[in-house]
Amino acid sequence: CLTWFRQTPGGEREGIASTASDGNTYYLGSVRDRFSISQNENMV
């Protein structure tokens, strides 16, 4: 299960994008429509 996070100095670590086994994808609101995640087995 692979998910992207990001963090700025002194900031909170926030989830950016992930995929679920049912095929759904999830995005942080501020990156939706600009970022795209894809996963194939052990690579994302």
Full PDB file with SEQRES, HELIX, SHEET, SSBOND, CRYST1, ORIGX, SCALE, CONECT and MASTER records, all heavy atoms in Angstrom:
SEQRES   1 A   44  CYS LEU THR TRP PHE ARG GLN THR PRO GLY GLY GLU ARG          
SEQRES   2 A   44  GLU GLY ILE ALA SER THR ALA SER ASP GLY ASN THR TYR          
SEQRES   3 A   44  TYR LEU GLY SER VAL ARG ASP ARG PHE SER ILE SER GLN          
SEQRES   4 A   44  ASN GLU ASN MET VAL                                          
SHEET    1 AA1 3 THR A   3  ARG A   6  0                                        
SHEET    2 AA1 3 GLU A  14  THR A  19 -1                                        
SHEET    3 AA1 3 THR A  25  TYR A  27 -1                                        
CRYST1    1.000    1.000    1.000  90.00  90.00  90.00 P 1           1          
ORIGX1      1.000000  0.000000  0.000000        0.00000                         
ORIGX2      0.000000  1.000000  0.000000        0.00000                         
ORIGX3      0.000000  0.000000  1.000000        0.00000                         
SCALE1      1.000000  0.000000  0.000000        0.00000                         
SCALE2      0.000000  1.000000  0.000000        0.00000                         
SCALE3      0.000000  0.000000  1.000000        0.00000                         
ATOM      1  N   CYS A   1       0.863  -1.158   0.000  1.00  0.00           N  
ATOM      2  CA  CYS A   1       0.000   0.000   0.000  1.00  0.00           C  
ATOM      3  C   CYS A   1       0.911   1.222   0.000  1.00  0.00           C  
ATOM      4  O   CYS A   1       1.694   1.402   0.937  1.00  0.00           O  
ATOM      5  CB  CYS A   1      -0.915   0.029   1.228  1.00  0.00           C  
ATOM      6  SG  CYS A   1      -1.989  -1.421   1.395  1.00  0.00           S  
ATOM      7  N   LEU A   2       0.825   2.037  -1.028  1.00  0.00           N  
ATOM      8  CA  LEU A   2       1.768   3.136  -1.224  1.00  0.00           C  
ATOM      9  C   LEU A   2       1.029   4.464  -1.320  1.00  0.00           C  
ATOM     10  O   LEU A   2       0.052   4.589  -2.056  1.00  0.00           O  
ATOM     11  CB  LEU A   2       2.584   2.908  -2.499  1.00  0.00           C  
ATOM     12  CG  LEU A   2       3.378   1.595  -2.560  1.00  0.00           C  
ATOM     13  CD1 LEU A   2       3.967   1.396  -3.945  1.00  0.00           C  
ATOM     14  CD2 LEU A   2       4.488   1.599  -1.507  1.00  0.00           C  
ATOM     15  N   THR A   3       1.521   5.443  -0.580  1.00  0.00           N  
ATOM     16  CA  THR A   3       0.902   6.755  -0.528  1.00  0.00           C  
ATOM     17  C   THR A   3       1.980   7.828  -0.562  1.00  0.00           C  
ATOM     18  O   THR A   3       3.052   7.655   0.023  1.00  0.00           O  
ATOM     19  CB  THR A   3       0.052   6.904   0.750  1.00  0.00           C  
ATOM     20  OG1 THR A   3      -1.032   5.976   0.718  1.00  0.00           O  
ATOM     21  CG2 THR A   3      -0.519   8.315   0.876  1.00  0.00           C  
ATOM     22  N   TRP A   4       1.690   8.931  -1.223  1.00  0.00           N  
ATOM     23  CA  TRP A   4       2.598  10.071  -1.272  1.00  0.00           C  
ATOM     24  C   TRP A   4       2.239  11.078  -0.190  1.00  0.00           C  
ATOM     25  O   TRP A   4       1.061  11.437  -0.019  1.00  0.00           O  
ATOM     26  CB  TRP A   4       2.544  10.766  -2.635  1.00  0.00           C  
ATOM     27  CG  TRP A   4       3.181   9.986  -3.732  1.00  0.00           C  
ATOM     28  CD1 TRP A   4       2.573   9.214  -4.660  1.00  0.00           C  
ATOM     29  CD2 TRP A   4       4.585   9.916  -4.005  1.00  0.00           C  
ATOM     30  NE1 TRP A   4       3.501   8.667  -5.508  1.00  0.00           N  
ATOM     31  CE2 TRP A   4       4.743   9.072  -5.130  1.00  0.00           C  
ATOM     32  CE3 TRP A   4       5.722  10.483  -3.419  1.00  0.00           C  
ATOM     33  CZ2 TRP A   4       5.998   8.783  -5.677  1.00  0.00           C  
ATOM     34  CZ3 TRP A   4       6.970  10.189  -3.956  1.00  0.00           C  
ATOM     35  CH2 TRP A   4       7.091   9.354  -5.072  1.00  0.00           C  
ATOM     36  N   PHE A   5       3.261  11.559   0.507  1.00  0.00           N  
ATOM     37  CA  PHE A   5       3.144  12.618   1.496  1.00  0.00           C  
ATOM     38  C   PHE A   5       4.106  13.744   1.138  1.00  0.00           C  
ATOM     39  O   PHE A   5       5.042  13.555   0.361  1.00  0.00           O  
ATOM     40  CB  PHE A   5       3.494  12.110   2.901  1.00  0.00           C  
ATOM     41  CG  PHE A   5       2.500  11.146   3.487  1.00  0.00           C  
ATOM     42  CD1 PHE A   5       2.519   9.805   3.140  1.00  0.00           C  
ATOM     43  CD2 PHE A   5       1.555  11.581   4.399  1.00  0.00           C  
ATOM     44  CE1 PHE A   5       1.619   8.912   3.683  1.00  0.00           C  
ATOM     45  CE2 PHE A   5       0.642  10.698   4.956  1.00  0.00           C  
ATOM     46  CZ  PHE A   5       0.672   9.368   4.598  1.00  0.00           C  
ATOM     47  N   ARG A   6       3.888  14.902   1.745  1.00  0.00           N  
ATOM     48  CA  ARG A   6       4.861  15.986   1.627  1.00  0.00           C  
ATOM     49  C   ARG A   6       4.918  16.765   2.930  1.00  0.00           C  
ATOM     50  O   ARG A   6       3.980  16.761   3.717  1.00  0.00           O  
ATOM     51  CB  ARG A   6       4.541  16.920   0.457  1.00  0.00           C  
ATOM     52  CG  ARG A   6       3.303  17.779   0.638  1.00  0.00           C  
ATOM     53  CD  ARG A   6       3.039  18.585  -0.621  1.00  0.00           C  
ATOM     54  NE  ARG A   6       1.894  19.461  -0.479  1.00  0.00           N  
ATOM     55  CZ  ARG A   6       1.376  20.169  -1.467  1.00  0.00           C  
ATOM     56  NH1 ARG A   6       1.909  20.100  -2.691  1.00  0.00           N  
ATOM     57  NH2 ARG A   6       0.326  20.955  -1.255  1.00  0.00           N  
ATOM     58  N   GLN A   7       6.050  17.444   3.141  1.00  0.00           N  
ATOM     59  CA  GLN A   7       6.250  18.187   4.369  1.00  0.00           C  
ATOM     60  C   GLN A   7       7.189  19.360   4.123  1.00  0.00           C  
ATOM     61  O   GLN A   7       8.234  19.199   3.500  1.00  0.00           O  
ATOM     62  CB  GLN A   7       6.824  17.283   5.464  1.00  0.00           C  
ATOM     63  CG  GLN A   7       6.913  17.924   6.835  1.00  0.00           C  
ATOM     64  CD  GLN A   7       7.290  16.921   7.905  1.00  0.00           C  
ATOM     65  OE1 GLN A   7       7.878  15.876   7.618  1.00  0.00           O  
ATOM     66  NE2 GLN A   7       6.955  17.221   9.147  1.00  0.00           N  
ATOM     67  N   THR A   8       6.813  20.523   4.633  1.00  0.00           N  
ATOM     68  CA  THR A   8       7.665  21.698   4.596  1.00  0.00           C  
ATOM     69  C   THR A   8       8.373  21.822   5.941  1.00  0.00           C  
ATOM     70  O   THR A   8       7.912  21.264   6.948  1.00  0.00           O  
ATOM     71  CB  THR A   8       6.857  22.965   4.317  1.00  0.00           C  
ATOM     72  OG1 THR A   8       5.828  23.103   5.307  1.00  0.00           O  
ATOM     73  CG2 THR A   8       6.211  22.896   2.944  1.00  0.00           C  
ATOM     74  N   PRO A   9       9.500  22.550   6.012  1.00  0.00           N  
ATOM     75  CA  PRO A   9      10.190  22.712   7.290  1.00  0.00           C  
ATOM     76  C   PRO A   9       9.274  23.304   8.352  1.00  0.00           C  
ATOM     77  O   PRO A   9       8.668  24.355   8.145  1.00  0.00           O  
ATOM     78  CB  PRO A   9      11.343  23.656   6.952  1.00  0.00           C  
ATOM     79  CG  PRO A   9      11.600  23.406   5.505  1.00  0.00           C  
ATOM     80  CD  PRO A   9      10.240  23.177   4.905  1.00  0.00           C  
ATOM     81  N   GLY A  10       9.161  22.629   9.476  1.00  0.00           N  
ATOM     82  CA  GLY A  10       8.307  23.097  10.544  1.00  0.00           C  
ATOM     83  C   GLY A  10       6.826  22.877  10.320  1.00  0.00           C  
ATOM     84  O   GLY A  10       6.011  23.224  11.186  1.00  0.00           O  
ATOM     85  N   GLY A  11       6.467  22.307   9.197  1.00  0.00           N  
ATOM     86  CA  GLY A  11       5.074  22.092   8.873  1.00  0.00           C  
ATOM     87  C   GLY A  11       4.603  20.684   9.159  1.00  0.00           C  
ATOM     88  O   GLY A  11       5.380  19.803   9.512  1.00  0.00           O  
ATOM     89  N   GLU A  12       3.315  20.490   8.995  1.00  0.00           N  
ATOM     90  CA  GLU A  12       2.733  19.176   9.182  1.00  0.00           C  
ATOM     91  C   GLU A  12       2.956  18.316   7.946  1.00  0.00           C  
ATOM     92  O   GLU A  12       2.967  18.817   6.823  1.00  0.00           O  
ATOM     93  CB  GLU A  12       1.232  19.297   9.450  1.00  0.00           C  
ATOM     94  CG  GLU A  12       0.864  20.051  10.709  1.00  0.00           C  
ATOM     95  CD  GLU A  12       1.195  19.272  11.953  1.00  0.00           C  
ATOM     96  OE1 GLU A  12       1.239  18.023  11.889  1.00  0.00           O  
ATOM     97  OE2 GLU A  12       1.418  19.903  12.994  1.00  0.00           O  
ATOM     98  N   ARG A  13       3.135  17.041   8.176  1.00  0.00           N  
ATOM     99  CA  ARG A  13       3.212  16.114   7.070  1.00  0.00           C  
ATOM    100  C   ARG A  13       1.791  15.833   6.578  1.00  0.00           C  
ATOM    101  O   ARG A  13       0.916  15.466   7.361  1.00  0.00           O  
ATOM    102  CB  ARG A  13       3.895  14.824   7.502  1.00  0.00           C  
ATOM    103  CG  ARG A  13       4.139  13.844   6.367  1.00  0.00           C  
ATOM    104  CD  ARG A  13       5.043  12.703   6.816  1.00  0.00           C  
ATOM    105  NE  ARG A  13       6.353  13.189   7.213  1.00  0.00           N  
ATOM    106  CZ  ARG A  13       7.333  12.412   7.668  1.00  0.00           C  
ATOM    107  NH1 ARG A  13       7.144  11.096   7.774  1.00  0.00           N  
ATOM    108  NH2 ARG A  13       8.496  12.943   8.018  1.00  0.00           N  
ATOM    109  N   GLU A  14       1.573  16.008   5.307  1.00  0.00           N  
ATOM    110  CA  GLU A  14       0.235  15.849   4.770  1.00  0.00           C  
ATOM    111  C   GLU A  14       0.209  14.837   3.640  1.00  0.00           C  
ATOM    112  O   GLU A  14       1.110  14.797   2.804  1.00  0.00           O  
ATOM    113  CB  GLU A  14      -0.334  17.187   4.306  1.00  0.00           C  
ATOM    114  CG  GLU A  14       0.496  17.909   3.276  1.00  0.00           C  
ATOM    115  CD  GLU A  14      -0.063  19.272   2.918  1.00  0.00           C  
ATOM    116  OE1 GLU A  14      -1.128  19.647   3.444  1.00  0.00           O  
ATOM    117  OE2 GLU A  14       0.571  19.974   2.108  1.00  0.00           O  
ATOM    118  N   GLY A  15      -0.824  14.026   3.643  1.00  0.00           N  
ATOM    119  CA  GLY A  15      -1.023  13.084   2.563  1.00  0.00           C  
ATOM    120  C   GLY A  15      -1.405  13.814   1.293  1.00  0.00           C  
ATOM    121  O   GLY A  15      -2.212  14.745   1.317  1.00  0.00           O  
ATOM    122  N   ILE A  16      -0.833  13.369   0.180  1.00  0.00           N  
ATOM    123  CA  ILE A  16      -1.043  14.032  -1.104  1.00  0.00           C  
ATOM    124  C   ILE A  16      -1.921  13.199  -2.026  1.00  0.00           C  
ATOM    125  O   ILE A  16      -2.885  13.706  -2.618  1.00  0.00           O  
ATOM    126  CB  ILE A  16       0.300  14.323  -1.797  1.00  0.00           C  
ATOM    127  CG1 ILE A  16       1.159  15.225  -0.920  1.00  0.00           C  
ATOM    128  CG2 ILE A  16       0.073  14.948  -3.165  1.00  0.00           C  
ATOM    129  CD1 ILE A  16       0.526  16.565  -0.641  1.00  0.00           C  
ATOM    130  N   ALA A  17      -1.567  11.934  -2.169  1.00  0.00           N  
ATOM    131  CA  ALA A  17      -2.278  11.088  -3.120  1.00  0.00           C  
ATOM    132  C   ALA A  17      -2.073   9.628  -2.765  1.00  0.00           C  
ATOM    133  O   ALA A  17      -1.015   9.237  -2.274  1.00  0.00           O  
ATOM    134  CB  ALA A  17      -1.791  11.347  -4.547  1.00  0.00           C  
ATOM    135  N   SER A  18      -3.083   8.828  -3.034  1.00  0.00           N  
ATOM    136  CA  SER A  18      -3.009   7.403  -2.761  1.00  0.00           C  
ATOM    137  C   SER A  18      -3.952   6.642  -3.680  1.00  0.00           C  
ATOM    138  O   SER A  18      -4.866   7.220  -4.282  1.00  0.00           O  
ATOM    139  CB  SER A  18      -3.349   7.094  -1.299  1.00  0.00           C  
ATOM    140  OG  SER A  18      -4.696   7.426  -1.016  1.00  0.00           O  
ATOM    141  N   THR A  19      -3.721   5.357  -3.770  1.00  0.00           N  
ATOM    142  CA  THR A  19      -4.624   4.466  -4.488  1.00  0.00           C  
ATOM    143  C   THR A  19      -5.107   3.391  -3.535  1.00  0.00           C  
ATOM    144  O   THR A  19      -4.383   2.966  -2.632  1.00  0.00           O  
ATOM    145  CB  THR A  19      -3.953   3.804  -5.698  1.00  0.00           C  
ATOM    146  OG1 THR A  19      -2.849   2.994  -5.253  1.00  0.00           O  
ATOM    147  CG2 THR A  19      -3.440   4.852  -6.672  1.00  0.00           C  
ATOM    148  N   ALA A  20      -6.332   2.945  -3.733  1.00  0.00           N  
ATOM    149  CA  ALA A  20      -6.901   1.858  -2.961  1.00  0.00           C  
ATOM    150  C   ALA A  20      -7.026   0.623  -3.829  1.00  0.00           C  
ATOM    151  O   ALA A  20      -7.049   0.708  -5.059  1.00  0.00           O  
ATOM    152  CB  ALA A  20      -8.263   2.255  -2.393  1.00  0.00           C  
ATOM    153  N   SER A  21      -7.126  -0.531  -3.181  1.00  0.00           N  
ATOM    154  CA  SER A  21      -7.202  -1.785  -3.926  1.00  0.00           C  
ATOM    155  C   SER A  21      -8.458  -1.912  -4.766  1.00  0.00           C  
ATOM    156  O   SER A  21      -8.490  -2.704  -5.715  1.00  0.00           O  
ATOM    157  CB  SER A  21      -7.106  -2.974  -2.968  1.00  0.00           C  
ATOM    158  OG  SER A  21      -5.849  -3.019  -2.326  1.00  0.00           O  
ATOM    159  N   ASP A  22      -9.493  -1.140  -4.437  1.00  0.00           N  
ATOM    160  CA  ASP A  22     -10.716  -1.174  -5.231  1.00  0.00           C  
ATOM    161  C   ASP A  22     -10.641  -0.286  -6.467  1.00  0.00           C  
ATOM    162  O   ASP A  22     -11.615  -0.167  -7.207  1.00  0.00           O  
ATOM    163  CB  ASP A  22     -11.933  -0.796  -4.380  1.00  0.00           C  
ATOM    164  CG  ASP A  22     -11.871   0.604  -3.820  1.00  0.00           C  
ATOM    165  OD1 ASP A  22     -10.923   1.350  -4.140  1.00  0.00           O  
ATOM    166  OD2 ASP A  22     -12.777   0.967  -3.041  1.00  0.00           O  
ATOM    167  N   GLY A  23      -9.486   0.350  -6.670  1.00  0.00           N  
ATOM    168  CA  GLY A  23      -9.286   1.189  -7.832  1.00  0.00           C  
ATOM    169  C   GLY A  23      -9.517   2.665  -7.603  1.00  0.00           C  
ATOM    170  O   GLY A  23      -9.187   3.486  -8.471  1.00  0.00           O  
ATOM    171  N   ASN A  24     -10.070   3.041  -6.481  1.00  0.00           N  
ATOM    172  CA  ASN A  24     -10.274   4.451  -6.182  1.00  0.00           C  
ATOM    173  C   ASN A  24      -8.953   5.156  -5.946  1.00  0.00           C  
ATOM    174  O   ASN A  24      -7.987   4.555  -5.466  1.00  0.00           O  
ATOM    175  CB  ASN A  24     -11.158   4.619  -4.951  1.00  0.00           C  
ATOM    176  CG  ASN A  24     -12.611   4.317  -5.228  1.00  0.00           C  
ATOM    177  OD1 ASN A  24     -13.079   4.434  -6.357  1.00  0.00           O  
ATOM    178  ND2 ASN A  24     -13.339   3.923  -4.194  1.00  0.00           N  
ATOM    179  N   THR A  25      -8.906   6.420  -6.272  1.00  0.00           N  
ATOM    180  CA  THR A  25      -7.762   7.264  -5.973  1.00  0.00           C  
ATOM    181  C   THR A  25      -8.213   8.415  -5.097  1.00  0.00           C  
ATOM    182  O   THR A  25      -9.367   8.854  -5.161  1.00  0.00           O  
ATOM    183  CB  THR A  25      -7.099   7.801  -7.246  1.00  0.00           C  
ATOM    184  OG1 THR A  25      -8.060   8.526  -8.018  1.00  0.00           O  
ATOM    185  CG2 THR A  25      -6.563   6.652  -8.092  1.00  0.00           C  
ATOM    186  N   TYR A  26      -7.290   8.915  -4.275  1.00  0.00           N  
ATOM    187  CA  TYR A  26      -7.599   9.978  -3.333  1.00  0.00           C  
ATOM    188  C   TYR A  26      -6.530  11.044  -3.420  1.00  0.00           C  
ATOM    189  O   TYR A  26      -5.347  10.736  -3.559  1.00  0.00           O  
ATOM    190  CB  TYR A  26      -7.685   9.419  -1.908  1.00  0.00           C  
ATOM    191  CG  TYR A  26      -8.719   8.328  -1.773  1.00  0.00           C  
ATOM    192  CD1 TYR A  26      -8.370   6.987  -1.885  1.00  0.00           C  
ATOM    193  CD2 TYR A  26     -10.054   8.647  -1.558  1.00  0.00           C  
ATOM    194  CE1 TYR A  26      -9.320   5.987  -1.792  1.00  0.00           C  
ATOM    195  CE2 TYR A  26     -11.013   7.653  -1.461  1.00  0.00           C  
ATOM    196  CZ  TYR A  26     -10.646   6.330  -1.575  1.00  0.00           C  
ATOM    197  OH  TYR A  26     -11.597   5.339  -1.478  1.00  0.00           O  
ATOM    198  N   TYR A  27      -6.948  12.305  -3.321  1.00  0.00           N  
ATOM    199  CA  TYR A  27      -6.041  13.426  -3.446  1.00  0.00           C  
ATOM    200  C   TYR A  27      -6.317  14.485  -2.390  1.00  0.00           C  
ATOM    201  O   TYR A  27      -7.471  14.718  -2.004  1.00  0.00           O  
ATOM    202  CB  TYR A  27      -6.172  14.088  -4.809  1.00  0.00           C  
ATOM    203  CG  TYR A  27      -5.775  13.207  -5.962  1.00  0.00           C  
ATOM    204  CD1 TYR A  27      -6.722  12.458  -6.645  1.00  0.00           C  
ATOM    205  CD2 TYR A  27      -4.448  13.125  -6.366  1.00  0.00           C  
ATOM    206  CE1 TYR A  27      -6.361  11.639  -7.698  1.00  0.00           C  
ATOM    207  CE2 TYR A  27      -4.079  12.312  -7.422  1.00  0.00           C  
ATOM    208  CZ  TYR A  27      -5.037  11.572  -8.084  1.00  0.00           C  
ATOM    209  OH  TYR A  27      -4.665  10.761  -9.134  1.00  0.00           O  
ATOM    210  N   LEU A  28      -5.250  15.127  -1.960  1.00  0.00           N  
ATOM    211  CA  LEU A  28      -5.380  16.332  -1.174  1.00  0.00           C  
ATOM    212  C   LEU A  28      -6.089  17.378  -2.047  1.00  0.00           C  
ATOM    213  O   LEU A  28      -5.785  17.514  -3.235  1.00  0.00           O  
ATOM    214  CB  LEU A  28      -4.007  16.831  -0.758  1.00  0.00           C  
ATOM    215  CG  LEU A  28      -3.911  18.095   0.070  1.00  0.00           C  
ATOM    216  CD1 LEU A  28      -4.471  17.869   1.465  1.00  0.00           C  
ATOM    217  CD2 LEU A  28      -2.454  18.549   0.151  1.00  0.00           C  
ATOM    218  N   GLY A  29      -7.032  18.093  -1.464  1.00  0.00           N  
ATOM    219  CA  GLY A  29      -7.823  19.027  -2.243  1.00  0.00           C  
ATOM    220  C   GLY A  29      -7.013  20.027  -3.040  1.00  0.00           C  
ATOM    221  O   GLY A  29      -7.378  20.367  -4.184  1.00  0.00           O  
ATOM    222  N   SER A  30      -5.909  20.503  -2.490  1.00  0.00           N  
ATOM    223  CA  SER A  30      -5.122  21.532  -3.149  1.00  0.00           C  
ATOM    224  C   SER A  30      -4.335  21.019  -4.353  1.00  0.00           C  
ATOM    225  O   SER A  30      -3.807  21.818  -5.128  1.00  0.00           O  
ATOM    226  CB  SER A  30      -4.169  22.196  -2.155  1.00  0.00           C  
ATOM    227  OG  SER A  30      -3.279  21.247  -1.600  1.00  0.00           O  
ATOM    228  N   VAL A  31      -4.246  19.700  -4.526  1.00  0.00           N  
ATOM    229  CA  VAL A  31      -3.524  19.152  -5.670  1.00  0.00           C  
ATOM    230  C   VAL A  31      -4.441  18.441  -6.653  1.00  0.00           C  
ATOM    231  O   VAL A  31      -4.004  18.093  -7.763  1.00  0.00           O  
ATOM    232  CB  VAL A  31      -2.392  18.193  -5.241  1.00  0.00           C  
ATOM    233  CG1 VAL A  31      -1.503  18.851  -4.194  1.00  0.00           C  
ATOM    234  CG2 VAL A  31      -2.938  16.864  -4.730  1.00  0.00           C  
ATOM    235  N   ARG A  32      -5.670  18.224  -6.274  1.00  0.00           N  
ATOM    236  CA  ARG A  32      -6.618  17.550  -7.159  1.00  0.00           C  
ATOM    237  C   ARG A  32      -6.737  18.318  -8.469  1.00  0.00           C  
ATOM    238  O   ARG A  32      -6.790  19.531  -8.490  1.00  0.00           O  
ATOM    239  CB  ARG A  32      -7.976  17.426  -6.470  1.00  0.00           C  
ATOM    240  CG  ARG A  32      -8.990  16.598  -7.257  1.00  0.00           C  
ATOM    241  CD  ARG A  32     -10.262  16.341  -6.446  1.00  0.00           C  
ATOM    242  NE  ARG A  32     -10.024  15.434  -5.334  1.00  0.00           N  
ATOM    243  CZ  ARG A  32     -10.091  15.782  -4.056  1.00  0.00           C  
ATOM    244  NH1 ARG A  32     -10.407  17.027  -3.722  1.00  0.00           N  
ATOM    245  NH2 ARG A  32      -9.851  14.891  -3.113  1.00  0.00           N  
ATOM    246  N   ASP A  33      -6.784  17.585  -9.562  1.00  0.00           N  
ATOM    247  CA  ASP A  33      -6.869  18.121 -10.921  1.00  0.00           C  
ATOM    248  C   ASP A  33      -5.529  18.602 -11.460  1.00  0.00           C  
ATOM    249  O   ASP A  33      -5.428  18.954 -12.638  1.00  0.00           O  
ATOM    250  CB  ASP A  33      -7.901  19.242 -11.048  1.00  0.00           C  
ATOM    251  CG  ASP A  33      -9.301  18.782 -10.711  1.00  0.00           C  
ATOM    252  OD1 ASP A  33      -9.634  17.614 -10.998  1.00  0.00           O  
ATOM    253  OD2 ASP A  33     -10.075  19.589 -10.158  1.00  0.00           O  
ATOM    254  N   ARG A  34      -4.496  18.608 -10.609  1.00  0.00           N  
ATOM    255  CA  ARG A  34      -3.154  18.944 -11.075  1.00  0.00           C  
ATOM    256  C   ARG A  34      -2.203  17.759 -10.969  1.00  0.00           C  
ATOM    257  O   ARG A  34      -1.290  17.624 -11.778  1.00  0.00           O  
ATOM    258  CB  ARG A  34      -2.582  20.124 -10.289  1.00  0.00           C  
ATOM    259  CG  ARG A  34      -3.372  21.407 -10.451  1.00  0.00           C  
ATOM    260  CD  ARG A  34      -2.639  22.580  -9.798  1.00  0.00           C  
ATOM    261  NE  ARG A  34      -2.480  22.380  -8.357  1.00  0.00           N  
ATOM    262  CZ  ARG A  34      -1.305  22.288  -7.731  1.00  0.00           C  
ATOM    263  NH1 ARG A  34      -0.168  22.373  -8.419  1.00  0.00           N  
ATOM    264  NH2 ARG A  34      -1.254  22.124  -6.414  1.00  0.00           N  
ATOM    265  N   PHE A  35      -2.410  16.923  -9.951  1.00  0.00           N  
ATOM    266  CA  PHE A  35      -1.567  15.757  -9.726  1.00  0.00           C  
ATOM    267  C   PHE A  35      -2.335  14.499 -10.093  1.00  0.00           C  
ATOM    268  O   PHE A  35      -3.568  14.446  -9.976  1.00  0.00           O  
ATOM    269  CB  PHE A  35      -1.143  15.649  -8.264  1.00  0.00           C  
ATOM    270  CG  PHE A  35      -0.201  16.713  -7.782  1.00  0.00           C  
ATOM    271  CD1 PHE A  35       0.107  17.824  -8.548  1.00  0.00           C  
ATOM    272  CD2 PHE A  35       0.383  16.590  -6.531  1.00  0.00           C  
ATOM    273  CE1 PHE A  35       0.971  18.806  -8.088  1.00  0.00           C  
ATOM    274  CE2 PHE A  35       1.251  17.555  -6.056  1.00  0.00           C  
ATOM    275  CZ  PHE A  35       1.544  18.668  -6.835  1.00  0.00           C  
ATOM    276  N   SER A  36      -1.601  13.460 -10.486  1.00  0.00           N  
ATOM    277  CA  SER A  36      -2.210  12.187 -10.820  1.00  0.00           C  
ATOM    278  C   SER A  36      -1.338  11.050 -10.315  1.00  0.00           C  
ATOM    279  O   SER A  36      -0.133  11.039 -10.564  1.00  0.00           O  
ATOM    280  CB  SER A  36      -2.399  12.066 -12.335  1.00  0.00           C  
ATOM    281  OG  SER A  36      -2.989  10.827 -12.685  1.00  0.00           O  
ATOM    282  N   ILE A  37      -1.945  10.118  -9.595  1.00  0.00           N  
ATOM    283  CA  ILE A  37      -1.218   8.991  -9.035  1.00  0.00           C  
ATOM    284  C   ILE A  37      -1.555   7.723  -9.804  1.00  0.00           C  
ATOM    285  O   ILE A  37      -2.687   7.529 -10.254  1.00  0.00           O  
ATOM    286  CB  ILE A  37      -1.529   8.809  -7.532  1.00  0.00           C  
ATOM    287  CG1 ILE A  37      -0.628   7.740  -6.909  1.00  0.00           C  
ATOM    288  CG2 ILE A  37      -3.009   8.481  -7.317  1.00  0.00           C  
ATOM    289  CD1 ILE A  37      -0.735   7.652  -5.389  1.00  0.00           C  
ATOM    290  N   SER A  38      -0.571   6.860  -9.944  1.00  0.00           N  
ATOM    291  CA  SER A  38      -0.796   5.544 -10.527  1.00  0.00           C  
ATOM    292  C   SER A  38       0.114   4.546  -9.846  1.00  0.00           C  
ATOM    293  O   SER A  38       1.260   4.862  -9.517  1.00  0.00           O  
ATOM    294  CB  SER A  38      -0.553   5.550 -12.043  1.00  0.00           C  
ATOM    295  OG  SER A  38       0.777   5.924 -12.344  1.00  0.00           O  
ATOM    296  N   GLN A  39      -0.398   3.350  -9.612  1.00  0.00           N  
ATOM    297  CA  GLN A  39       0.387   2.316  -8.956  1.00  0.00           C  
ATOM    298  C   GLN A  39       0.295   1.022  -9.733  1.00  0.00           C  
ATOM    299  O   GLN A  39      -0.776   0.654 -10.226  1.00  0.00           O  
ATOM    300  CB  GLN A  39      -0.087   2.078  -7.520  1.00  0.00           C  
ATOM    301  CG  GLN A  39       0.737   1.021  -6.782  1.00  0.00           C  
ATOM    302  CD  GLN A  39       0.384   0.886  -5.313  1.00  0.00           C  
ATOM    303  OE1 GLN A  39      -0.287   1.746  -4.744  1.00  0.00           O  
ATOM    304  NE2 GLN A  39       0.844  -0.188  -4.690  1.00  0.00           N  
ATOM    305  N   ASN A  40       1.418   0.342  -9.817  1.00  0.00           N  
ATOM    306  CA  ASN A  40       1.495  -0.962 -10.436  1.00  0.00           C  
ATOM    307  C   ASN A  40       2.349  -1.847  -9.548  1.00  0.00           C  
ATOM    308  O   ASN A  40       3.577  -1.739  -9.543  1.00  0.00           O  
ATOM    309  CB  ASN A  40       2.079  -0.873 -11.845  1.00  0.00           C  
ATOM    310  CG  ASN A  40       2.139  -2.217 -12.537  1.00  0.00           C  
ATOM    311  OD1 ASN A  40       1.473  -3.169 -12.135  1.00  0.00           O  
ATOM    312  ND2 ASN A  40       2.929  -2.304 -13.600  1.00  0.00           N  
ATOM    313  N   GLU A  41       1.698  -2.693  -8.764  1.00  0.00           N  
ATOM    314  CA  GLU A  41       2.382  -3.604  -7.853  1.00  0.00           C  
ATOM    315  C   GLU A  41       3.244  -2.825  -6.862  1.00  0.00           C  
ATOM    316  O   GLU A  41       2.719  -2.132  -6.006  1.00  0.00           O  
ATOM    317  CB  GLU A  41       3.194  -4.636  -8.635  1.00  0.00           C  
ATOM    318  CG  GLU A  41       2.359  -5.505  -9.575  1.00  0.00           C  
ATOM    319  CD  GLU A  41       1.402  -6.427  -8.835  1.00  0.00           C  
ATOM    320  OE1 GLU A  41       1.683  -6.751  -7.660  1.00  0.00           O  
ATOM    321  OE2 GLU A  41       0.383  -6.831  -9.422  1.00  0.00           O  
ATOM    322  N   ASN A  42       4.560  -2.912  -7.000  1.00  0.00           N  
ATOM    323  CA  ASN A  42       5.461  -2.295  -6.041  1.00  0.00           C  
ATOM    324  C   ASN A  42       5.960  -0.922  -6.451  1.00  0.00           C  
ATOM    325  O   ASN A  42       6.858  -0.378  -5.810  1.00  0.00           O  
ATOM    326  CB  ASN A  42       6.662  -3.207  -5.793  1.00  0.00           C  
ATOM    327  CG  ASN A  42       7.540  -3.341  -7.013  1.00  0.00           C  
ATOM    328  OD1 ASN A  42       7.051  -3.467  -8.138  1.00  0.00           O  
ATOM    329  ND2 ASN A  42       8.854  -3.333  -6.804  1.00  0.00           N  
ATOM    330  N   MET A  43       5.383  -0.351  -7.488  1.00  0.00           N  
ATOM    331  CA  MET A  43       5.803   0.951  -7.970  1.00  0.00           C  
ATOM    332  C   MET A  43       4.631   1.923  -7.968  1.00  0.00           C  
ATOM    333  O   MET A  43       3.510   1.545  -8.290  1.00  0.00           O  
ATOM    334  CB  MET A  43       6.362   0.854  -9.389  1.00  0.00           C  
ATOM    335  CG  MET A  43       7.556  -0.058  -9.519  1.00  0.00           C  
ATOM    336  SD  MET A  43       8.174  -0.098 -11.220  1.00  0.00           S  
ATOM    337  CE  MET A  43       9.490  -1.310 -11.056  1.00  0.00           C  
ATOM    338  N   VAL A  44       4.910   3.160  -7.601  1.00  0.00           N  
ATOM    339  CA  VAL A  44       3.887   4.183  -7.637  1.00  0.00           C  
ATOM    340  C   VAL A  44       4.502   5.455  -8.212  1.00  0.00           C  
ATOM    341  O   VAL A  44       5.675   5.748  -7.968  1.00  0.00           O  
ATOM    342  CB  VAL A  44       3.271   4.427  -6.238  1.00  0.00           C  
ATOM    343  CG1 VAL A  44       4.294   5.008  -5.267  1.00  0.00           C  
ATOM    344  CG2 VAL A  44       2.039   5.309  -6.337  1.00  0.00           C  
TER     345      VAL A  44                                                      
MASTER        0    0    0    0    3    0    0    6  344    1    0    4          
END                                                                             
